[in-house]
């Protein structure tokens, strides 16, 4: 399994996706977990900014699996990538 959107983790492991569609919040949670597990040290404000920027970068590589023009509520896992669809 792989990360959705921009690839944030190299291969299967504890951060591998359990599904092929994600919410922005789920992507953000995984980025925060990886950042913490790698021992990144910064002020709380710097960590929030880094996690926010990394989330925006990852999500920018995504597209929605919902029909064009459909609402995209935050709680609906709809973000994925071409590599996930191609698999």
Protein backbone atom coordinates (compact mmCIF):
# COMPACT_ATOMS: atom_id res chain seq x y z
CA UNK A 1 0.00 0.00 0.00
CA UNK A 2 1.11 3.57 -0.56
CA UNK A 3 0.37 7.01 0.72
CA UNK A 4 -2.26 8.94 -1.16
CA UNK A 5 -1.33 11.91 -3.26
CA UNK A 6 2.28 12.99 -2.90
CA UNK A 7 4.25 10.00 -1.65
CA UNK A 8 5.25 10.71 1.94
CA UNK A 9 6.46 7.28 2.99
CA UNK A 10 8.64 4.79 1.19
CA UNK A 11 6.79 1.50 0.95
CA UNK A 12 4.57 -0.47 3.28
CA UNK A 13 4.97 -0.07 6.97
CA UNK A 14 3.28 1.43 9.99
CA UNK A 15 2.18 4.45 7.95
CA UNK A 16 0.81 2.60 4.94
CA UNK A 17 -2.67 3.50 3.91
CA UNK A 18 -5.50 1.32 5.12
CA UNK A 19 -7.57 2.58 2.21
CA UNK A 20 -7.06 4.39 -1.07
CA UNK A 21 -9.11 7.50 -0.28
CA UNK A 22 -8.23 9.99 2.42
CA UNK A 23 -9.50 13.16 4.08
CA UNK A 24 -7.23 16.17 4.43
CA UNK A 25 -7.35 15.64 8.19
CA UNK A 26 -6.14 12.02 7.86
CA UNK A 27 -3.22 13.15 5.69
CA UNK A 28 -2.38 15.79 8.31
CA UNK A 29 -2.49 13.20 11.12
CA UNK A 30 -0.03 10.95 9.29
CA UNK A 31 2.33 13.84 8.64
CA UNK A 32 2.22 14.77 12.33
CA UNK A 33 2.90 11.16 13.34
CA UNK A 34 5.86 10.79 10.97
CA UNK A 35 7.26 14.13 12.12
CA UNK A 36 7.02 13.07 15.76
CA UNK A 37 8.44 9.58 15.17
CA UNK A 38 11.47 11.04 13.41
CA UNK A 39 12.17 13.23 16.42
CA UNK A 40 11.80 16.59 14.73
CA UNK A 41 12.43 19.25 17.33
CA UNK A 42 10.99 22.72 16.94
CA UNK A 43 8.75 25.14 18.76
CA UNK A 44 5.04 24.30 18.76
CA UNK A 45 4.40 27.14 16.30
CA UNK A 46 7.13 25.90 13.95
CA UNK A 47 5.75 22.34 14.10
CA UNK A 48 2.22 23.55 13.33
CA UNK A 49 3.52 25.57 10.37
CA UNK A 50 5.58 22.65 9.04
CA UNK A 51 2.69 20.19 9.36
CA UNK A 52 0.33 22.67 7.69
CA UNK A 53 2.71 23.27 4.77
CA UNK A 54 3.46 19.55 4.34
CA UNK A 55 -0.27 18.78 4.37
CA UNK A 56 -0.98 21.41 1.71
CA UNK A 57 1.85 20.02 -0.44
CA UNK A 58 0.60 16.43 -0.13
CA UNK A 59 -3.03 17.36 -0.78
CA UNK A 60 -2.05 19.50 -3.79
CA UNK A 61 -1.04 16.28 -5.55
CA UNK A 62 -4.44 14.68 -4.91
CA UNK A 63 -7.65 14.57 -6.82
CA UNK A 64 -11.15 13.72 -5.68
CA UNK A 65 -12.78 10.39 -6.46
CA UNK A 66 -16.17 12.10 -6.25
CA UNK A 67 -17.97 13.17 -9.43
CA UNK A 68 -16.97 16.58 -10.83
CA UNK A 69 -18.86 19.36 -9.08
CA UNK A 70 -19.93 17.13 -6.18
CA UNK A 71 -19.64 18.57 -2.68
CA UNK A 72 -16.47 17.54 -0.85
CA UNK A 73 -17.32 17.54 2.87
CA UNK A 74 -14.32 17.42 5.20
CA UNK A 75 -15.47 14.15 6.79
CA UNK A 76 -15.71 12.25 3.48
CA UNK A 77 -12.56 10.39 2.39
CA UNK A 78 -12.33 11.37 -1.27
CA UNK A 79 -8.68 12.31 -1.91
CA UNK A 80 -6.49 9.90 -3.89
CA UNK A 81 -3.76 9.88 -6.51
CA UNK A 82 -3.12 8.54 -9.98
CA UNK A 83 -0.67 5.97 -8.61
CA UNK A 84 -3.38 4.55 -6.33
CA UNK A 85 -5.91 4.39 -9.18
CA UNK A 86 -3.33 2.79 -11.50
CA UNK A 87 -2.46 0.05 -8.98
